[in-house]
Every structure is written in C-alpha cells, then in structure tokens.
C-alpha atoms as a PDB file:
ATOM      1  CA  UNK A   1      68.980 101.561 120.699  1.00  0.00           C
ATOM      2  CA  UNK A   2      65.898 103.349 122.105  1.00  0.00           C
ATOM      3  CA  UNK A   3      66.023 104.401 125.835  1.00  0.00           C
ATOM      4  CA  UNK A   4      69.625 104.587 126.686  1.00  0.00           C
ATOM      5  CA  UNK A   5      70.812 108.028 125.845  1.00  0.00           C
ATOM      6  CA  UNK A   6      70.911 110.197 128.997  1.00  0.00           C
ATOM      7  CA  UNK A   7      70.538 107.550 131.351  1.00  0.00           C
ATOM      8  CA  UNK A   8      72.949 106.357 133.850  1.00  0.00           C
ATOM      9  CA  UNK A   9      74.543 102.984 134.933  1.00  0.00           C
ATOM     10  CA  UNK A  10      76.593 100.642 137.167  1.00  0.00           C
ATOM     11  CA  UNK A  11      78.581  97.977 135.656  1.00  0.00           C
ATOM     12  CA  UNK A  12      80.448  95.788 138.094  1.00  0.00           C
ATOM     13  CA  UNK A  13      83.683  94.250 136.848  1.00  0.00           C
ATOM     14  CA  UNK A  14      83.906  96.873 134.289  1.00  0.00           C
ATOM     15  CA  UNK A  15      87.822  97.374 134.121  1.00  0.00           C
ATOM     16  CA  UNK A  16      88.438  94.427 131.793  1.00  0.00           C
ATOM     17  CA  UNK A  17      86.929  91.830 129.624  1.00  0.00           C
ATOM     18  CA  UNK A  18      83.074  91.649 128.824  1.00  0.00           C
ATOM     19  CA  UNK A  19      82.570  94.364 131.390  1.00  0.00           C
ATOM     20  CA  UNK A  20      85.011  96.857 129.823  1.00  0.00           C
ATOM     21  CA  UNK A  21      83.317  96.301 126.619  1.00  0.00           C
ATOM     22  CA  UNK A  22      79.839  96.822 128.396  1.00  0.00           C
ATOM     23  CA  UNK A  23      80.864 100.185 129.933  1.00  0.00           C
ATOM     24  CA  UNK A  24      82.164 101.207 126.263  1.00  0.00           C
ATOM     25  CA  UNK A  25      79.116 100.190 124.327  1.00  0.00           C
ATOM     26  CA  UNK A  26      76.888 102.332 127.055  1.00  0.00           C
ATOM     27  CA  UNK A  27      79.038 105.136 126.735  1.00  0.00           C
ATOM     28  CA  UNK A  28      78.752 105.089 123.159  1.00  0.00           C
ATOM     29  CA  UNK A  29      75.024 105.150 123.556  1.00  0.00           C
ATOM     30  CA  UNK A  30      75.152 108.163 125.551  1.00  0.00           C
ATOM     31  CA  UNK A  31      74.728 106.592 128.985  1.00  0.00           C
ATOM     32  CA  UNK A  32      76.425 107.839 132.045  1.00  0.00           C
ATOM     33  CA  UNK A  33      78.358 104.955 133.617  1.00  0.00           C
ATOM     34  CA  UNK A  34      80.079 104.085 137.237  1.00  0.00           C
ATOM     35  CA  UNK A  35      82.348 100.897 136.936  1.00  0.00           C
ATOM     36  CA  UNK A  36      84.218  99.017 139.591  1.00  0.00           C
ATOM     37  CA  UNK A  37      86.974  96.549 139.847  1.00  0.00           C
ATOM     38  CA  UNK A  38      89.290  94.811 142.458  1.00  0.00           C
ATOM     39  CA  UNK A  39      92.507  95.998 140.833  1.00  0.00           C
ATOM     40  CA  UNK A  40      92.649  99.929 141.336  1.00  0.00           C
ATOM     41  CA  UNK A  41      95.681 100.225 138.833  1.00  0.00           C
ATOM     42  CA  UNK A  42      93.694  98.285 135.753  1.00  0.00           C
ATOM     43  CA  UNK A  43      90.626 100.350 136.716  1.00  0.00           C
ATOM     44  CA  UNK A  44      92.271 103.550 136.806  1.00  0.00           C
ATOM     45  CA  UNK A  45      93.822 102.797 133.360  1.00  0.00           C
ATOM     46  CA  UNK A  46      90.495 102.062 132.003  1.00  0.00           C
ATOM     47  CA  UNK A  47      89.178 104.932 133.341  1.00  0.00           C
ATOM     48  CA  UNK A  48      91.933 107.015 131.713  1.00  0.00           C
ATOM     49  CA  UNK A  49      91.198 105.668 128.279  1.00  0.00           C
ATOM     50  CA  UNK A  50      87.130 106.120 128.531  1.00  0.00           C
ATOM     51  CA  UNK A  51      87.767 109.685 130.087  1.00  0.00           C
ATOM     52  CA  UNK A  52      89.755 110.972 127.482  1.00  0.00           C
ATOM     53  CA  UNK A  53      86.784 110.434 125.054  1.00  0.00           C
ATOM     54  CA  UNK A  54      83.812 110.520 127.305  1.00  0.00           C
ATOM     55  CA  UNK A  55      85.022 113.237 129.892  1.00  0.00           C
ATOM     56  CA  UNK A  56      82.872 113.107 133.400  1.00  0.00           C
ATOM     57  CA  UNK A  57      80.332 110.797 131.902  1.00  0.00           C
ATOM     58  CA  UNK A  58      82.605 107.908 133.292  1.00  0.00           C
ATOM     59  CA  UNK A  59      83.880 107.153 136.840  1.00  0.00           C
ATOM     60  CA  UNK A  60      85.614 104.405 138.590  1.00  0.00           C
ATOM     61  CA  UNK A  61      85.584 103.062 142.021  1.00  0.00           C
ATOM     62  CA  UNK A  62      87.669 100.216 143.111  1.00  0.00           C
ATOM     63  CA  UNK A  63      85.807  97.449 145.537  1.00  0.00           C
ATOM     64  CA  UNK A  64      85.523  93.765 146.158  1.00  0.00           C
ATOM     65  CA  UNK A  65      81.933  92.498 145.502  1.00  0.00           C
ATOM     66  CA  UNK A  66      82.530  89.689 148.425  1.00  0.00           C
ATOM     67  CA  UNK A  67      82.569  93.026 150.814  1.00  0.00           C
ATOM     68  CA  UNK A  68      79.328  93.281 152.606  1.00  0.00           C
ATOM     69  CA  UNK A  69      79.348  97.185 152.339  1.00  0.00           C
ATOM     70  CA  UNK A  70      80.152  97.231 148.539  1.00  0.00           C
ATOM     71  CA  UNK A  71      76.345  97.232 147.157  1.00  0.00           C
ATOM     72  CA  UNK A  72      75.446 100.202 149.402  1.00  0.00           C
ATOM     73  CA  UNK A  73      78.606 102.003 148.377  1.00  0.00           C
ATOM     74  CA  UNK A  74      78.469 101.442 144.964  1.00  0.00           C
ATOM     75  CA  UNK A  75      74.766 102.620 144.773  1.00  0.00           C
ATOM     76  CA  UNK A  76      75.488 105.525 147.165  1.00  0.00           C
ATOM     77  CA  UNK A  77      78.321 106.626 144.870  1.00  0.00           C
ATOM     78  CA  UNK A  78      76.489 106.300 141.742  1.00  0.00           C
ATOM     79  CA  UNK A  79      73.472 108.624 142.899  1.00  0.00           C
ATOM     80  CA  UNK A  80      75.951 111.163 143.994  1.00  0.00           C
ATOM     81  CA  UNK A  81      77.547 111.298 140.656  1.00  0.00           C
ATOM     82  CA  UNK A  82      74.349 111.240 138.266  1.00  0.00           C
ATOM     83  CA  UNK A  83      71.443 111.944 140.653  1.00  0.00           C
ATOM     84  CA  UNK A  84      69.726 108.747 139.744  1.00  0.00           C
ATOM     85  CA  UNK A  85      70.261 105.352 138.344  1.00  0.00           C
ATOM     86  CA  UNK A  86      68.411 103.657 135.496  1.00  0.00           C
ATOM     87  CA  UNK A  87      70.628 100.643 135.035  1.00  0.00           C
ATOM     88  CA  UNK A  88      72.419  97.608 136.289  1.00  0.00           C
ATOM     89  CA  UNK A  89      74.807  95.138 135.151  1.00  0.00           C
ATOM     90  CA  UNK A  90      76.107  92.613 137.353  1.00  0.00           C
ATOM     91  CA  UNK A  91      79.148  91.329 135.643  1.00  0.00           C
ATOM     92  CA  UNK A  92      81.777  90.837 138.384  1.00  0.00           C
ATOM     93  CA  UNK A  93      82.247  86.918 139.150  1.00  0.00           C
ATOM     94  CA  UNK A  94      84.871  84.692 140.633  1.00  0.00           C
ATOM     95  CA  UNK A  95      86.280  82.298 138.211  1.00  0.00           C
ATOM     96  CA  UNK A  96      86.897  79.816 140.682  1.00  0.00           C
ATOM     97  CA  UNK A  97      86.844  76.184 139.099  1.00  0.00           C
ATOM     98  CA  UNK A  98      87.050  73.323 141.766  1.00  0.00           C
ATOM     99  CA  UNK A  99      85.100  70.119 142.113  1.00  0.00           C
ATOM    100  CA  UNK A 100      85.682  67.520 144.801  1.00  0.00           C
ATOM    101  CA  UNK A 101      88.917  69.316 146.186  1.00  0.00           C
ATOM    102  CA  UNK A 102      86.718  72.752 146.622  1.00  0.00           C
ATOM    103  CA  UNK A 103      87.118  74.025 150.323  1.00  0.00           C
ATOM    104  CA  UNK A 104      84.703  75.617 152.494  1.00  0.00           C
ATOM    105  CA  UNK A 105      86.278  78.885 151.766  1.00  0.00           C
ATOM    106  CA  UNK A 106      86.160  78.153 148.048  1.00  0.00           C
ATOM    107  CA  UNK A 107      82.358  77.769 148.453  1.00  0.00           C
ATOM    108  CA  UNK A 108      81.762  80.945 150.083  1.00  0.00           C
ATOM    109  CA  UNK A 109      84.058  82.815 148.091  1.00  0.00           C
ATOM    110  CA  UNK A 110      82.240  81.758 144.700  1.00  0.00           C
ATOM    111  CA  UNK A 111      78.603  82.391 146.040  1.00  0.00           C
ATOM    112  CA  UNK A 112      79.221  85.508 148.071  1.00  0.00           C
ATOM    113  CA  UNK A 113      80.868  87.309 145.457  1.00  0.00           C
ATOM    114  CA  UNK A 114      78.926  85.710 142.578  1.00  0.00           C
ATOM    115  CA  UNK A 115      75.195  84.884 142.726  1.00  0.00           C
ATOM    116  CA  UNK A 116      74.793  86.664 146.177  1.00  0.00           C
ATOM    117  CA  UNK A 117      76.720  89.632 145.209  1.00  0.00           C
ATOM    118  CA  UNK A 118      74.278  89.775 142.390  1.00  0.00           C
ATOM    119  CA  UNK A 119      71.448  89.668 144.778  1.00  0.00           C
ATOM    120  CA  UNK A 120      72.442  92.207 146.875  1.00  0.00           C
ATOM    121  CA  UNK A 121      73.281  94.555 144.340  1.00  0.00           C
ATOM    122  CA  UNK A 122      69.834  94.100 142.668  1.00  0.00           C
ATOM    123  CA  UNK A 123      68.206  94.635 146.019  1.00  0.00           C
ATOM    124  CA  UNK A 124      70.297  97.876 146.867  1.00  0.00           C
ATOM    125  CA  UNK A 125      69.479  99.038 143.437  1.00  0.00           C
ATOM    126  CA  UNK A 126      65.719  98.723 143.809  1.00  0.00           C
ATOM    127  CA  UNK A 127      65.472  99.999 147.323  1.00  0.00           C
ATOM    128  CA  UNK A 128      67.678 103.057 146.701  1.00  0.00           C
ATOM    129  CA  UNK A 129      65.499 104.204 143.614  1.00  0.00           C
ATOM    130  CA  UNK A 130      63.219 107.301 143.346  1.00  0.00           C
ATOM    131  CA  UNK A 131      62.337 106.426 139.661  1.00  0.00           C
ATOM    132  CA  UNK A 132      60.161 103.728 138.873  1.00  0.00           C
ATOM    133  CA  UNK A 133      61.483 102.423 135.785  1.00  0.00           C
ATOM    134  CA  UNK A 134      64.600 100.630 135.516  1.00  0.00           C
ATOM    135  CA  UNK A 135      66.424  97.454 134.115  1.00  0.00           C
ATOM    136  CA  UNK A 136      69.076  94.795 135.263  1.00  0.00           C
ATOM    137  CA  UNK A 137      71.175  92.403 133.292  1.00  0.00           C
ATOM    138  CA  UNK A 138      73.138  89.928 135.075  1.00  0.00           C
ATOM    139  CA  UNK A 139      76.286  87.935 133.389  1.00  0.00           C
ATOM    140  CA  UNK A 140      75.562  84.190 133.379  1.00  0.00           C
ATOM    141  CA  UNK A 141      77.364  81.540 131.060  1.00  0.00           C
ATOM    142  CA  UNK A 142      76.818  78.489 129.087  1.00  0.00           C
ATOM    143  CA  UNK A 143      78.362  76.914 132.432  1.00  0.00           C
ATOM    144  CA  UNK A 144      74.832  77.530 133.924  1.00  0.00           C
ATOM    145  CA  UNK A 145      73.273  75.011 131.807  1.00  0.00           C
ATOM    146  CA  UNK A 146      75.779  72.085 131.067  1.00  0.00           C
ATOM    147  CA  UNK A 147      78.197  69.781 132.935  1.00  0.00           C
ATOM    148  CA  UNK A 148      81.879  70.434 132.666  1.00  0.00           C
ATOM    149  CA  UNK A 149      84.906  68.472 134.251  1.00  0.00           C
ATOM    150  CA  UNK A 150      85.890  69.905 137.510  1.00  0.00           C
ATOM    151  CA  UNK A 151      83.959  72.854 137.804  1.00  0.00           C
ATOM    152  CA  UNK A 152      81.301  72.245 140.564  1.00  0.00           C
ATOM    153  CA  UNK A 153      81.956  75.748 142.291  1.00  0.00           C
ATOM    154  CA  UNK A 154      81.712  77.831 139.057  1.00  0.00           C
ATOM    155  CA  UNK A 155      78.966  75.965 137.305  1.00  0.00           C
ATOM    156  CA  UNK A 156      76.744  75.769 140.418  1.00  0.00           C
ATOM    157  CA  UNK A 157      77.245  79.463 140.972  1.00  0.00           C
ATOM    158  CA  UNK A 158      76.485  80.601 137.456  1.00  0.00           C
ATOM    159  CA  UNK A 159      73.393  78.229 137.537  1.00  0.00           C
ATOM    160  CA  UNK A 160      71.998  80.108 140.497  1.00  0.00           C
ATOM    161  CA  UNK A 161      71.989  83.251 138.647  1.00  0.00           C
ATOM    162  CA  UNK A 162      69.179  82.205 136.267  1.00  0.00           C
ATOM    163  CA  UNK A 163      66.831  81.284 139.033  1.00  0.00           C
ATOM    164  CA  UNK A 164      67.607  84.749 140.844  1.00  0.00           C
ATOM    165  CA  UNK A 165      66.751  86.903 137.939  1.00  0.00           C
ATOM    166  CA  UNK A 166      63.422  84.943 137.584  1.00  0.00           C
ATOM    167  CA  UNK A 167      62.582  85.746 141.164  1.00  0.00           C
ATOM    168  CA  UNK A 168      63.845  89.151 141.125  1.00  0.00           C
ATOM    169  CA  UNK A 169      61.834  89.869 138.012  1.00  0.00           C
ATOM    170  CA  UNK A 170      58.765  88.788 139.539  1.00  0.00           C
ATOM    171  CA  UNK A 171      59.352  90.842 142.599  1.00  0.00           C
ATOM    172  CA  UNK A 172      60.506  94.010 140.901  1.00  0.00           C
ATOM    173  CA  UNK A 173      57.761  94.095 138.237  1.00  0.00           C
ATOM    174  CA  UNK A 174      56.351  96.058 136.422  1.00  0.00           C
ATOM    175  CA  UNK A 175      58.991  98.694 137.131  1.00  0.00           C
ATOM    176  CA  UNK A 176      61.866  97.154 136.840  1.00  0.00           C
ATOM    177  CA  UNK A 177      62.860  94.537 134.227  1.00  0.00           C
ATOM    178  CA  UNK A 178      65.467  91.833 135.181  1.00  0.00           C
ATOM    179  CA  UNK A 179      67.312  89.495 132.664  1.00  0.00           C
ATOM    180  CA  UNK A 180      70.467  87.463 132.223  1.00  0.00           C
ATOM    181  CA  UNK A 181      72.901  86.997 129.542  1.00  0.00           C
ATOM    182  CA  UNK A 182      74.631  83.442 128.731  1.00  0.00           C
ATOM    183  CA  UNK A 183      77.742  83.856 126.645  1.00  0.00           C
ATOM    184  CA  UNK A 184      79.810  81.275 125.160  1.00  0.00           C
ATOM    185  CA  UNK A 185      83.632  80.931 125.063  1.00  0.00           C
ATOM    186  CA  UNK A 186      84.598  84.678 124.588  1.00  0.00           C
ATOM    187  CA  UNK A 187      88.172  86.257 123.989  1.00  0.00           C
ATOM    188  CA  UNK A 188      88.940  87.587 127.315  1.00  0.00           C
ATOM    189  CA  UNK A 189      92.011  87.232 129.458  1.00  0.00           C
ATOM    190  CA  UNK A 190      90.611  84.444 131.568  1.00  0.00           C
ATOM    191  CA  UNK A 191      89.906  82.229 128.413  1.00  0.00           C
ATOM    192  CA  UNK A 192      93.395  83.388 127.133  1.00  0.00           C
ATOM    193  CA  UNK A 193      94.996  81.645 130.117  1.00  0.00           C
ATOM    194  CA  UNK A 194      93.642  78.312 128.962  1.00  0.00           C
ATOM    195  CA  UNK A 195      95.323  78.568 125.417  1.00  0.00           C
ATOM    196  CA  UNK A 196      98.420  76.092 125.263  1.00  0.00           C
ATOM    197  CA  UNK A 197     100.773  78.899 124.692  1.00  0.00           C
ATOM    198  CA  UNK A 198      98.875  81.746 126.442  1.00  0.00           C
ATOM    199  CA  UNK A 199      98.358  83.201 122.890  1.00  0.00           C
ATOM    200  CA  UNK A 200      94.903  83.526 120.552  1.00  0.00           C
ATOM    201  CA  UNK A 201      97.218  81.833 117.845  1.00  0.00           C
ATOM    202  CA  UNK A 202      97.332  78.809 119.793  1.00  0.00           C
ATOM    203  CA  UNK A 203      93.467  78.546 120.583  1.00  0.00           C
ATOM    204  CA  UNK A 204      92.330  74.770 120.021  1.00  0.00           C
ATOM    205  CA  UNK A 205      90.168  74.473 117.025  1.00  0.00           C
ATOM    206  CA  UNK A 206      87.605  72.458 118.906  1.00  0.00           C
ATOM    207  CA  UNK A 207      86.888  75.610 120.931  1.00  0.00           C
ATOM    208  CA  UNK A 208      85.889  77.101 117.613  1.00  0.00           C
ATOM    209  CA  UNK A 209      83.869  73.917 116.649  1.00  0.00           C
ATOM    210  CA  UNK A 210      81.830  74.236 119.723  1.00  0.00           C
ATOM    211  CA  UNK A 211      80.092  76.930 118.392  1.00  0.00           C
ATOM    212  CA  UNK A 212      77.487  76.800 115.311  1.00  0.00           C
ATOM    213  CA  UNK A 213      79.173  80.070 113.969  1.00  0.00           C
ATOM    214  CA  UNK A 214      82.796  78.524 114.364  1.00  0.00           C
ATOM    215  CA  UNK A 215      84.699  81.093 116.186  1.00  0.00           C
ATOM    216  CA  UNK A 216      84.960  82.379 119.738  1.00  0.00           C
ATOM    217  CA  UNK A 217      83.056  85.393 120.508  1.00  0.00           C
ATOM    218  CA  UNK A 218      84.173  88.969 120.746  1.00  0.00           C
ATOM    219  CA  UNK A 219      83.337  90.805 124.326  1.00  0.00           C
ATOM    220  CA  UNK A 220      81.731  93.838 122.118  1.00  0.00           C
ATOM    221  CA  UNK A 221      79.371  90.992 120.899  1.00  0.00           C
ATOM    222  CA  UNK A 222      78.314  90.203 124.369  1.00  0.00           C
ATOM    223  CA  UNK A 223      78.162  93.923 125.043  1.00  0.00           C
ATOM    224  CA  UNK A 224      75.714  94.687 122.178  1.00  0.00           C
ATOM    225  CA  UNK A 225      73.283  91.925 123.862  1.00  0.00           C
ATOM    226  CA  UNK A 226      73.426  93.581 127.130  1.00  0.00           C
ATOM    227  CA  UNK A 227      72.819  97.085 125.864  1.00  0.00           C
ATOM    228  CA  UNK A 228      69.891  95.723 123.955  1.00  0.00           C
ATOM    229  CA  UNK A 229      68.484  94.093 127.081  1.00  0.00           C
ATOM    230  CA  UNK A 230      68.817  97.288 128.962  1.00  0.00           C
ATOM    231  CA  UNK A 231      67.109  99.288 125.904  1.00  0.00           C
ATOM    232  CA  UNK A 232      63.421 100.261 125.325  1.00  0.00           C
ATOM    233  CA  UNK A 233      63.602  97.837 122.338  1.00  0.00           C
ATOM    234  CA  UNK A 234      63.793  95.089 124.863  1.00  0.00           C
ATOM    235  CA  UNK A 235      60.619  96.444 126.997  1.00  0.00           C
ATOM    236  CA  UNK A 236      58.708  93.106 126.813  1.00  0.00           C
ATOM    237  CA  UNK A 237      61.543  90.986 128.113  1.00  0.00           C
ATOM    238  CA  UNK A 238      62.299  90.042 131.707  1.00  0.00           C
ATOM    239  CA  UNK A 239      62.746  86.878 133.548  1.00  0.00           C
ATOM    240  CA  UNK A 240      64.679  85.701 130.592  1.00  0.00           C
ATOM    241  CA  UNK A 241      68.128  84.269 129.770  1.00  0.00           C
ATOM    242  CA  UNK A 242      69.374  85.259 126.534  1.00  0.00           C
ATOM    243  CA  UNK A 243      71.828  82.632 124.879  1.00  0.00           C
ATOM    244  CA  UNK A 244      74.290  85.145 123.402  1.00  0.00           C
ATOM    245  CA  UNK A 245      76.298  81.962 122.868  1.00  0.00           C
ATOM    246  CA  UNK A 246      77.239  81.799 118.947  1.00  0.00           C
ATOM    247  CA  UNK A 247      74.864  78.579 119.083  1.00  0.00           C
ATOM    248  CA  UNK A 248      76.692  76.618 121.749  1.00  0.00           C
ATOM    249  CA  UNK A 249      73.631  75.454 123.625  1.00  0.00           C
ATOM    250  CA  UNK A 250      71.855  74.737 120.470  1.00  0.00           C
ATOM    251  CA  UNK A 251      74.414  72.009 119.339  1.00  0.00           C
ATOM    252  CA  UNK A 252      74.613  68.564 120.408  1.00  0.00           C
ATOM    253  CA  UNK A 253      77.395  66.266 120.849  1.00  0.00           C
ATOM    254  CA  UNK A 254      77.738  65.663 117.431  1.00  0.00           C
ATOM    255  CA  UNK A 255      79.100  68.853 116.931  1.00  0.00           C
ATOM    256  CA  UNK A 256      79.428  70.527 113.186  1.00  0.00           C
ATOM    257  CA  UNK A 257      79.021  66.992 111.777  1.00  0.00           C
ATOM    258  CA  UNK A 258      82.524  67.029 110.774  1.00  0.00           C
ATOM    259  CA  UNK A 259      83.340  63.559 112.274  1.00  0.00           C
ATOM    260  CA  UNK A 260      80.144  62.038 112.375  1.00  0.00           C
ATOM    261  CA  UNK A 261      78.075  59.996 110.033  1.00  0.00           C
ATOM    262  CA  UNK A 262      74.030  60.751 110.561  1.00  0.00           C
ATOM    263  CA  UNK A 263      71.498  57.965 110.334  1.00  0.00           C
ATOM    264  CA  UNK A 264      69.310  58.484 107.343  1.00  0.00           C
ATOM    265  CA  UNK A 265      72.131  60.615 105.612  1.00  0.00           C
ATOM    266  CA  UNK A 266      73.309  59.939 102.099  1.00  0.00           C
END
C-alpha cells in the first residue's frame, strides 16, 4: 500500500489477537512498530517472534492503558526509537461486559482504559509531533452499533469511539487523519472463551450466520483494513467508521433467510 514503507507506528494491545496481526501487517509493509501490552511475558514472546524476522524494526513495552502516565511514556519511547511517529493504532480495550450489575469501578475501568485511553493517546500523539502529516486508526466494534444482552459497559464504551474519532478528525485536520474500524466476530482468544468447549470446532453455527460472508473473521483481515486506513490509498478518508464486519451490520434480523419466508417471494 502507498505511503507505509519507511514510516513508524505505535500499536496498543499488540501482543495478541487483532493487535498482533496489525503489528505483523505493518512490519510486512515496511513500517517500524512499537507495540505494548499489559502482560510482559506474552508481549516478549510476540517480540521474540517478530524480531527474528524484522530485527530492530519492532519493539515492545509493557504498560497498562489505564495508567495516567502511559500515553506520554509510549509516545516518548516511540520517538526515542524511531525519531518520529507517523501512525497510531489504538487497539487495547477492556472486555468488561456487565449490565445492571456493573459497579462504579467497572464503569471507571471500562472508560478510562477504553475510549478515554484512546483520546489521551491521540492527544499525546498530536502534541508531540514535529511532522505535519499522520494517521490514526481506533479499533471499535459492531457492539458500538447494536444492542446486546448484558453488555452495557462494553457497548457504551465502544459506542463512544465513533464520536471520539469524529471530533478528533475535525480538530486535527488537515494534517492528521483519524478513523475507526468496526470488526464483526473475529477469531481471537476472547471469542474462543465464549465457544462451548473452548475450541473453534465447537463454534456455534449461528455465529457464522450472523455474517453475510458466513464465517468468523480472521485477525489478518482486520489488520489489512487498518493498514489501508493508515496508507496514502485512504488519503481522502477521515472521520469515518469502516465496517470491516463481513456484512454483519448490513444484515437484518431475518439473517441469511434460511429460516424465514419473505413477503412477495414465490
């Protein structure tokens, strides 16, 4: 993709799942990447794998996005490694799914480690820059757009991401583009926990039928969409929420039509 090779980026939550695939895709495109994660052991293991192939073009730092010092620490570390930062990918986000049972602490954690951390990273990225041009992508979710049972905290926090990127895109234009991406159900560790036998072989068929393309998404598919939004190929796109969801949000409650009869059909 145009405009990626030779650039540098920070990816939060890059040790596993979608974030890990984003790191790998950017490295493949010639981008130098600093990624972070809360679990130092997991992050170091991921770094070891990437370092064997990409050498000093990739680095890792352990941190908690809820910590008030993390944005400044991350951006400063990125600049010390690469001299300047071109891209920011906000991916780390708490999977706190509670409803009427959510405590005050649950709400604080979900928002401070979620959309508030995204906002603080964007602000730090923008204020520490010397270059004018740049691009930011925040990972949102289909959960930002629909109601799901017993998920007040997660869905509300993901919903805040879209408004955040709109406001940030307006305030940081024309130099920095800001977009978000809303994946559907993706084959990650978190989704695996919800399968009946904690195995992909036991994935409910209903999950596949939620998507027009009739399958769970691979993390690599989301990473490709993130890379596109960062690239010069997306230079006309800002303030946008890209539905990289295999058609999930385009489909209504009648689903794929396998169990429904439609008015006017023969």
